[in-house]
């Protein structure tokens, strides 16, 4: 039996944090006039699910000023905001 089962390769980190990602182009469509972006607003607008961590990524362009208060923001998204 032990010869039939494959060996497990690598290591799985039990403390890894998984984020729901939101890109800047999605924020630009959700907030065309700018304003404050919170996790509760994103859940209310249907962009993310409740009770999960949210991270903003820098894909896309944004032309309005946003005040982002989420769990994590990437470096490229910080530069563009």
PDB file of N, CA and C in Angstrom:
ATOM      1  N   UNK A   1       0.826  -1.202   0.000  1.00  0.00           N
ATOM      2  CA  UNK A   1       0.000   0.000   0.000  1.00  0.00           C
ATOM      3  C   UNK A   1       0.863   1.256   0.000  1.00  0.00           C
ATOM      4  N   UNK A   2       1.938   1.267   0.780  1.00  0.00           N
ATOM      5  CA  UNK A   2       2.767   2.470   0.848  1.00  0.00           C
ATOM      6  C   UNK A   2       3.477   2.736  -0.473  1.00  0.00           C
ATOM      7  N   UNK A   3       3.656   1.739  -1.306  1.00  0.00           N
ATOM      8  CA  UNK A   3       4.308   1.964  -2.595  1.00  0.00           C
ATOM      9  C   UNK A   3       3.333   2.524  -3.627  1.00  0.00           C
ATOM     10  N   UNK A   4       2.056   2.351  -3.443  1.00  0.00           N
ATOM     11  CA  UNK A   4       1.068   2.837  -4.398  1.00  0.00           C
ATOM     12  C   UNK A   4       0.755   4.317  -4.223  1.00  0.00           C
ATOM     13  N   UNK A   5       0.915   4.821  -3.029  1.00  0.00           N
ATOM     14  CA  UNK A   5       0.595   6.223  -2.775  1.00  0.00           C
ATOM     15  C   UNK A   5       1.762   7.105  -3.199  1.00  0.00           C
ATOM     16  N   UNK A   6       1.482   8.222  -3.850  1.00  0.00           N
ATOM     17  CA  UNK A   6       2.587   9.094  -4.273  1.00  0.00           C
ATOM     18  C   UNK A   6       3.197   9.825  -3.085  1.00  0.00           C
ATOM     19  N   UNK A   7       4.464  10.175  -3.242  1.00  0.00           N
ATOM     20  CA  UNK A   7       5.135  10.958  -2.210  1.00  0.00           C
ATOM     21  C   UNK A   7       4.669  12.396  -2.301  1.00  0.00           C
ATOM     22  N   UNK A   8       4.566  13.037  -1.171  1.00  0.00           N
ATOM     23  CA  UNK A   8       4.181  14.441  -1.154  1.00  0.00           C
ATOM     24  C   UNK A   8       5.425  15.288  -1.337  1.00  0.00           C
ATOM     25  N   UNK A   9       5.390  16.160  -2.319  1.00  0.00           N
ATOM     26  CA  UNK A   9       6.536  17.011  -2.617  1.00  0.00           C
ATOM     27  C   UNK A   9       6.308  18.395  -2.037  1.00  0.00           C
ATOM     28  N   UNK A  10       7.346  18.985  -1.526  1.00  0.00           N
ATOM     29  CA  UNK A  10       7.266  20.365  -1.083  1.00  0.00           C
ATOM     30  C   UNK A  10       6.702  20.515   0.318  1.00  0.00           C
ATOM     31  N   UNK A  11       6.326  21.748   0.605  1.00  0.00           N
ATOM     32  CA  UNK A  11       5.873  22.123   1.942  1.00  0.00           C
ATOM     33  C   UNK A  11       4.690  23.059   1.806  1.00  0.00           C
ATOM     34  N   UNK A  12       3.670  22.872   2.613  1.00  0.00           N
ATOM     35  CA  UNK A  12       2.511  23.755   2.607  1.00  0.00           C
ATOM     36  C   UNK A  12       2.507  24.535   3.914  1.00  0.00           C
ATOM     37  N   UNK A  13       2.623  25.853   3.796  1.00  0.00           N
ATOM     38  CA  UNK A  13       2.695  26.712   4.970  1.00  0.00           C
ATOM     39  C   UNK A  13       1.309  26.836   5.605  1.00  0.00           C
ATOM     40  N   UNK A  14       1.121  26.401   6.851  1.00  0.00           N
ATOM     41  CA  UNK A  14      -0.197  26.511   7.473  1.00  0.00           C
ATOM     42  C   UNK A  14      -0.545  27.934   7.893  1.00  0.00           C
ATOM     43  N   UNK A  15       0.433  28.841   7.909  1.00  0.00           N
ATOM     44  CA  UNK A  15       0.188  30.214   8.343  1.00  0.00           C
ATOM     45  C   UNK A  15       0.069  31.183   7.174  1.00  0.00           C
ATOM     46  N   UNK A  16      -0.074  30.690   5.965  1.00  0.00           N
ATOM     47  CA  UNK A  16      -0.180  31.541   4.787  1.00  0.00           C
ATOM     48  C   UNK A  16      -1.498  32.313   4.818  1.00  0.00           C
ATOM     49  N   UNK A  17      -1.432  33.601   4.464  1.00  0.00           N
ATOM     50  CA  UNK A  17      -2.648  34.406   4.405  1.00  0.00           C
ATOM     51  C   UNK A  17      -3.071  34.540   2.959  1.00  0.00           C
ATOM     52  N   UNK A  18      -4.326  34.234   2.683  1.00  0.00           N
ATOM     53  CA  UNK A  18      -4.863  34.339   1.335  1.00  0.00           C
ATOM     54  C   UNK A  18      -5.780  35.546   1.276  1.00  0.00           C
ATOM     55  N   UNK A  19      -5.577  36.364   0.248  1.00  0.00           N
ATOM     56  CA  UNK A  19      -6.335  37.590   0.077  1.00  0.00           C
ATOM     57  C   UNK A  19      -7.282  37.464  -1.103  1.00  0.00           C
ATOM     58  N   UNK A  20      -8.387  38.206  -1.032  1.00  0.00           N
ATOM     59  CA  UNK A  20      -9.204  38.451  -2.205  1.00  0.00           C
ATOM     60  C   UNK A  20      -8.617  39.674  -2.887  1.00  0.00           C
ATOM     61  N   UNK A  21      -8.390  39.600  -4.175  1.00  0.00           N
ATOM     62  CA  UNK A  21      -7.721  40.701  -4.859  1.00  0.00           C
ATOM     63  C   UNK A  21      -8.741  41.573  -5.583  1.00  0.00           C
ATOM     64  N   UNK A  22      -8.472  42.877  -5.553  1.00  0.00           N
ATOM     65  CA  UNK A  22      -9.257  43.858  -6.296  1.00  0.00           C
ATOM     66  C   UNK A  22      -8.250  44.733  -7.031  1.00  0.00           C
ATOM     67  N   UNK A  23      -8.391  44.836  -8.349  1.00  0.00           N
ATOM     68  CA  UNK A  23      -7.472  45.643  -9.138  1.00  0.00           C
ATOM     69  C   UNK A  23      -7.960  47.077  -9.225  1.00  0.00           C
ATOM     70  N   UNK A  24      -7.057  47.966  -9.622  1.00  0.00           N
ATOM     71  CA  UNK A  24      -7.393  49.388  -9.698  1.00  0.00           C
ATOM     72  C   UNK A  24      -8.443  49.674 -10.760  1.00  0.00           C
ATOM     73  N   UNK A  25      -8.448  48.922 -11.860  1.00  0.00           N
ATOM     74  CA  UNK A  25      -9.466  49.166 -12.877  1.00  0.00           C
ATOM     75  C   UNK A  25     -10.862  48.835 -12.362  1.00  0.00           C
ATOM     76  N   UNK A  26     -10.966  47.844 -11.487  1.00  0.00           N
ATOM     77  CA  UNK A  26     -12.259  47.523 -10.863  1.00  0.00           C
ATOM     78  C   UNK A  26     -12.686  48.642  -9.908  1.00  0.00           C
ATOM     79  N   UNK A  27     -11.724  49.197  -9.151  1.00  0.00           N
ATOM     80  CA  UNK A  27     -12.043  50.317  -8.265  1.00  0.00           C
ATOM     81  C   UNK A  27     -12.458  51.546  -9.064  1.00  0.00           C
ATOM     82  N   UNK A  28     -11.860  51.746 -10.237  1.00  0.00           N
ATOM     83  CA  UNK A  28     -12.217  52.891 -11.067  1.00  0.00           C
ATOM     84  C   UNK A  28     -13.652  52.780 -11.568  1.00  0.00           C
ATOM     85  N   UNK A  29     -14.116  51.574 -11.852  1.00  0.00           N
ATOM     86  CA  UNK A  29     -15.500  51.416 -12.296  1.00  0.00           C
ATOM     87  C   UNK A  29     -16.479  51.487 -11.124  1.00  0.00           C
ATOM     88  N   UNK A  30     -16.062  51.014  -9.937  1.00  0.00           N
ATOM     89  CA  UNK A  30     -16.955  51.051  -8.777  1.00  0.00           C
ATOM     90  C   UNK A  30     -17.059  52.441  -8.165  1.00  0.00           C
ATOM     91  N   UNK A  31     -15.985  53.219  -8.241  1.00  0.00           N
ATOM     92  CA  UNK A  31     -15.940  54.563  -7.655  1.00  0.00           C
ATOM     93  C   UNK A  31     -15.542  55.578  -8.728  1.00  0.00           C
ATOM     94  N   UNK A  32     -16.440  55.919  -9.658  1.00  0.00           N
ATOM     95  CA  UNK A  32     -16.063  56.853 -10.736  1.00  0.00           C
ATOM     96  C   UNK A  32     -15.828  58.274 -10.244  1.00  0.00           C
ATOM     97  N   UNK A  33     -16.413  58.655  -9.105  1.00  0.00           N
ATOM     98  CA  UNK A  33     -16.221  60.011  -8.590  1.00  0.00           C
ATOM     99  C   UNK A  33     -15.195  60.059  -7.469  1.00  0.00           C
ATOM    100  N   UNK A  34     -14.565  58.936  -7.156  1.00  0.00           N
ATOM    101  CA  UNK A  34     -13.566  58.892  -6.094  1.00  0.00           C
ATOM    102  C   UNK A  34     -14.220  58.692  -4.744  1.00  0.00           C
ATOM    103  N   UNK A  35     -13.467  58.962  -3.684  1.00  0.00           N
ATOM    104  CA  UNK A  35     -14.003  58.833  -2.338  1.00  0.00           C
ATOM    105  C   UNK A  35     -13.218  57.837  -1.520  1.00  0.00           C
ATOM    106  N   UNK A  36     -13.856  57.364  -0.454  1.00  0.00           N
ATOM    107  CA  UNK A  36     -13.210  56.439   0.467  1.00  0.00           C
ATOM    108  C   UNK A  36     -13.621  55.008   0.143  1.00  0.00           C
ATOM    109  N   UNK A  37     -12.647  54.130   0.105  1.00  0.00           N
ATOM    110  CA  UNK A  37     -12.873  52.723  -0.202  1.00  0.00           C
ATOM    111  C   UNK A  37     -12.623  51.922   1.067  1.00  0.00           C
ATOM    112  N   UNK A  38     -13.652  51.222   1.539  1.00  0.00           N
ATOM    113  CA  UNK A  38     -13.513  50.351   2.701  1.00  0.00           C
ATOM    114  C   UNK A  38     -13.947  48.942   2.326  1.00  0.00           C
ATOM    115  N   UNK A  39     -13.629  48.000   3.181  1.00  0.00           N
ATOM    116  CA  UNK A  39     -14.006  46.615   2.930  1.00  0.00           C
ATOM    117  C   UNK A  39     -15.523  46.471   2.958  1.00  0.00           C
ATOM    118  N   UNK A  40     -16.189  47.185   3.864  1.00  0.00           N
ATOM    119  CA  UNK A  40     -17.652  47.106   3.958  1.00  0.00           C
ATOM    120  C   UNK A  40     -18.309  47.632   2.684  1.00  0.00           C
ATOM    121  N   UNK A  41     -17.753  48.703   2.100  1.00  0.00           N
ATOM    122  CA  UNK A  41     -18.293  49.220   0.842  1.00  0.00           C
ATOM    123  C   UNK A  41     -18.110  48.217  -0.293  1.00  0.00           C
ATOM    124  N   UNK A  42     -16.947  47.586  -0.340  1.00  0.00           N
ATOM    125  CA  UNK A  42     -16.690  46.607  -1.397  1.00  0.00           C
ATOM    126  C   UNK A  42     -17.602  45.393  -1.259  1.00  0.00           C
ATOM    127  N   UNK A  43     -17.895  44.989  -0.024  1.00  0.00           N
ATOM    128  CA  UNK A  43     -18.824  43.875   0.194  1.00  0.00           C
ATOM    129  C   UNK A  43     -20.227  44.285  -0.227  1.00  0.00           C
ATOM    130  N   UNK A  44     -20.631  45.521   0.098  1.00  0.00           N
ATOM    131  CA  UNK A  44     -21.971  45.990  -0.262  1.00  0.00           C
ATOM    132  C   UNK A  44     -22.134  46.098  -1.773  1.00  0.00           C
ATOM    133  N   UNK A  45     -21.068  46.440  -2.485  1.00  0.00           N
ATOM    134  CA  UNK A  45     -21.140  46.563  -3.946  1.00  0.00           C
ATOM    135  C   UNK A  45     -20.923  45.232  -4.652  1.00  0.00           C
ATOM    136  N   UNK A  46     -20.607  44.184  -3.913  1.00  0.00           N
ATOM    137  CA  UNK A  46     -20.469  42.859  -4.501  1.00  0.00           C
ATOM    138  C   UNK A  46     -19.109  42.576  -5.106  1.00  0.00           C
ATOM    139  N   UNK A  47     -18.104  43.386  -4.816  1.00  0.00           N
ATOM    140  CA  UNK A  47     -16.780  43.172  -5.391  1.00  0.00           C
ATOM    141  C   UNK A  47     -16.018  42.065  -4.673  1.00  0.00           C
ATOM    142  N   UNK A  48     -16.239  41.915  -3.363  1.00  0.00           N
ATOM    143  CA  UNK A  48     -15.557  40.881  -2.580  1.00  0.00           C
ATOM    144  C   UNK A  48     -16.574  40.210  -1.666  1.00  0.00           C
ATOM    145  N   UNK A  49     -16.160  39.110  -1.071  1.00  0.00           N
ATOM    146  CA  UNK A  49     -17.022  38.401  -0.131  1.00  0.00           C
ATOM    147  C   UNK A  49     -16.715  38.856   1.287  1.00  0.00           C
ATOM    148  N   UNK A  50     -17.647  38.623   2.159  1.00  0.00           N
ATOM    149  CA  UNK A  50     -17.512  39.033   3.552  1.00  0.00           C
ATOM    150  C   UNK A  50     -16.568  38.086   4.293  1.00  0.00           C
ATOM    151  N   UNK A  51     -15.955  38.581   5.356  1.00  0.00           N
ATOM    152  CA  UNK A  51     -15.096  37.805   6.261  1.00  0.00           C
ATOM    153  C   UNK A  51     -13.852  37.240   5.584  1.00  0.00           C
ATOM    154  N   UNK A  52     -13.333  37.937   4.569  1.00  0.00           N
ATOM    155  CA  UNK A  52     -12.082  37.561   3.941  1.00  0.00           C
ATOM    156  C   UNK A  52     -11.190  38.793   3.870  1.00  0.00           C
ATOM    157  N   UNK A  53      -9.887  38.582   3.846  1.00  0.00           N
ATOM    158  CA  UNK A  53      -8.946  39.686   3.725  1.00  0.00           C
ATOM    159  C   UNK A  53      -8.936  40.207   2.290  1.00  0.00           C
ATOM    160  N   UNK A  54      -8.764  41.514   2.134  1.00  0.00           N
ATOM    161  CA  UNK A  54      -8.821  42.154   0.819  1.00  0.00           C
ATOM    162  C   UNK A  54      -7.487  42.823   0.536  1.00  0.00           C
ATOM    163  N   UNK A  55      -6.990  42.627  -0.700  1.00  0.00           N
ATOM    164  CA  UNK A  55      -5.748  43.262  -1.130  1.00  0.00           C
ATOM    165  C   UNK A  55      -5.998  43.979  -2.449  1.00  0.00           C
ATOM    166  N   UNK A  56      -5.503  45.210  -2.556  1.00  0.00           N
ATOM    167  CA  UNK A  56      -5.638  45.998  -3.778  1.00  0.00           C
ATOM    168  C   UNK A  56      -4.358  45.834  -4.584  1.00  0.00           C
ATOM    169  N   UNK A  57      -4.516  45.441  -5.855  1.00  0.00           N
ATOM    170  CA  UNK A  57      -3.384  45.274  -6.756  1.00  0.00           C
ATOM    171  C   UNK A  57      -3.362  46.400  -7.779  1.00  0.00           C
ATOM    172  N   UNK A  58      -2.236  46.604  -8.437  1.00  0.00           N
ATOM    173  CA  UNK A  58      -2.033  47.774  -9.285  1.00  0.00           C
ATOM    174  C   UNK A  58      -2.299  47.577 -10.750  1.00  0.00           C
ATOM    175  N   UNK A  59      -3.105  46.609 -11.155  1.00  0.00           N
ATOM    176  CA  UNK A  59      -3.380  46.424 -12.577  1.00  0.00           C
ATOM    177  C   UNK A  59      -4.446  47.414 -13.022  1.00  0.00           C
ATOM    178  N   UNK A  60      -4.183  48.131 -14.094  1.00  0.00           N
ATOM    179  CA  UNK A  60      -5.123  49.120 -14.603  1.00  0.00           C
ATOM    180  C   UNK A  60      -4.706  50.522 -14.218  1.00  0.00           C
ATOM    181  N   UNK A  61      -5.480  51.473 -14.677  1.00  0.00           N
ATOM    182  CA  UNK A  61      -5.206  52.887 -14.406  1.00  0.00           C
ATOM    183  C   UNK A  61      -6.362  53.482 -13.621  1.00  0.00           C
ATOM    184  N   UNK A  62      -6.066  54.514 -12.844  1.00  0.00           N
ATOM    185  CA  UNK A  62      -7.090  55.204 -12.067  1.00  0.00           C
ATOM    186  C   UNK A  62      -6.838  56.701 -12.188  1.00  0.00           C
ATOM    187  N   UNK A  63      -7.923  57.468 -12.349  1.00  0.00           N
ATOM    188  CA  UNK A  63      -7.770  58.907 -12.582  1.00  0.00           C
ATOM    189  C   UNK A  63      -8.407  59.748 -11.486  1.00  0.00           C
ATOM    190  N   UNK A  64      -9.032  59.127 -10.494  1.00  0.00           N
ATOM    191  CA  UNK A  64      -9.670  59.872  -9.405  1.00  0.00           C
ATOM    192  C   UNK A  64      -8.924  59.584  -8.105  1.00  0.00           C
ATOM    193  N   UNK A  65      -9.108  60.452  -7.128  1.00  0.00           N
ATOM    194  CA  UNK A  65      -8.445  60.278  -5.835  1.00  0.00           C
ATOM    195  C   UNK A  65      -9.262  59.335  -4.959  1.00  0.00           C
ATOM    196  N   UNK A  66      -8.598  58.338  -4.408  1.00  0.00           N
ATOM    197  CA  UNK A  66      -9.252  57.370  -3.527  1.00  0.00           C
ATOM    198  C   UNK A  66      -8.508  57.303  -2.201  1.00  0.00           C
ATOM    199  N   UNK A  67      -9.271  57.180  -1.114  1.00  0.00           N
ATOM    200  CA  UNK A  67      -8.705  56.898   0.199  1.00  0.00           C
ATOM    201  C   UNK A  67      -9.011  55.428   0.493  1.00  0.00           C
ATOM    202  N   UNK A  68      -8.004  54.597   0.370  1.00  0.00           N
ATOM    203  CA  UNK A  68      -8.197  53.154   0.462  1.00  0.00           C
ATOM    204  C   UNK A  68      -7.849  52.686   1.868  1.00  0.00           C
ATOM    205  N   UNK A  69      -8.790  52.010   2.516  1.00  0.00           N
ATOM    206  CA  UNK A  69      -8.531  51.405   3.825  1.00  0.00           C
ATOM    207  C   UNK A  69      -8.962  49.941   3.767  1.00  0.00           C
ATOM    208  N   UNK A  70      -8.033  49.109   3.290  1.00  0.00           N
ATOM    209  CA  UNK A  70      -8.254  47.668   3.201  1.00  0.00           C
ATOM    210  C   UNK A  70      -7.119  46.972   3.943  1.00  0.00           C
ATOM    211  N   UNK A  71      -7.077  45.646   3.876  1.00  0.00           N
ATOM    212  CA  UNK A  71      -6.104  44.879   4.647  1.00  0.00           C
ATOM    213  C   UNK A  71      -4.687  44.989   4.088  1.00  0.00           C
ATOM    214  N   UNK A  72      -4.537  45.036   2.752  1.00  0.00           N
ATOM    215  CA  UNK A  72      -3.198  45.123   2.164  1.00  0.00           C
ATOM    216  C   UNK A  72      -3.284  45.822   0.817  1.00  0.00           C
ATOM    217  N   UNK A  73      -2.185  46.507   0.450  1.00  0.00           N
ATOM    218  CA  UNK A  73      -2.093  47.207  -0.833  1.00  0.00           C
ATOM    219  C   UNK A  73      -0.721  46.894  -1.413  1.00  0.00           C
ATOM    220  N   UNK A  74      -0.674  46.570  -2.707  1.00  0.00           N
ATOM    221  CA  UNK A  74       0.613  46.283  -3.334  1.00  0.00           C
ATOM    222  C   UNK A  74       1.386  47.573  -3.565  1.00  0.00           C
ATOM    223  N   UNK A  75       2.668  47.437  -3.830  1.00  0.00           N
ATOM    224  CA  UNK A  75       3.524  48.598  -4.032  1.00  0.00           C
ATOM    225  C   UNK A  75       3.152  49.395  -5.263  1.00  0.00           C
ATOM    226  N   UNK A  76       2.819  48.711  -6.359  1.00  0.00           N
ATOM    227  CA  UNK A  76       2.448  49.426  -7.580  1.00  0.00           C
ATOM    228  C   UNK A  76       1.112  50.139  -7.417  1.00  0.00           C
ATOM    229  N   UNK A  77       0.209  49.571  -6.625  1.00  0.00           N
ATOM    230  CA  UNK A  77      -1.072  50.241  -6.382  1.00  0.00           C
ATOM    231  C   UNK A  77      -0.870  51.483  -5.524  1.00  0.00           C
ATOM    232  N   UNK A  78       0.059  51.439  -4.573  1.00  0.00           N
ATOM    233  CA  UNK A  78       0.352  52.618  -3.752  1.00  0.00           C
ATOM    234  C   UNK A  78       0.876  53.756  -4.605  1.00  0.00           C
ATOM    235  N   UNK A  79       1.743  53.445  -5.560  1.00  0.00           N
ATOM    236  CA  UNK A  79       2.289  54.479  -6.437  1.00  0.00           C
ATOM    237  C   UNK A  79       1.201  55.126  -7.281  1.00  0.00           C
ATOM    238  N   UNK A  80       0.286  54.322  -7.801  1.00  0.00           N
ATOM    239  CA  UNK A  80      -0.755  54.853  -8.684  1.00  0.00           C
ATOM    240  C   UNK A  80      -1.825  55.619  -7.924  1.00  0.00           C
ATOM    241  N   UNK A  81      -2.090  55.239  -6.689  1.00  0.00           N
ATOM    242  CA  UNK A  81      -3.108  55.939  -5.900  1.00  0.00           C
ATOM    243  C   UNK A  81      -2.512  57.219  -5.376  1.00  0.00           C
TER     244      UNK A  81
END
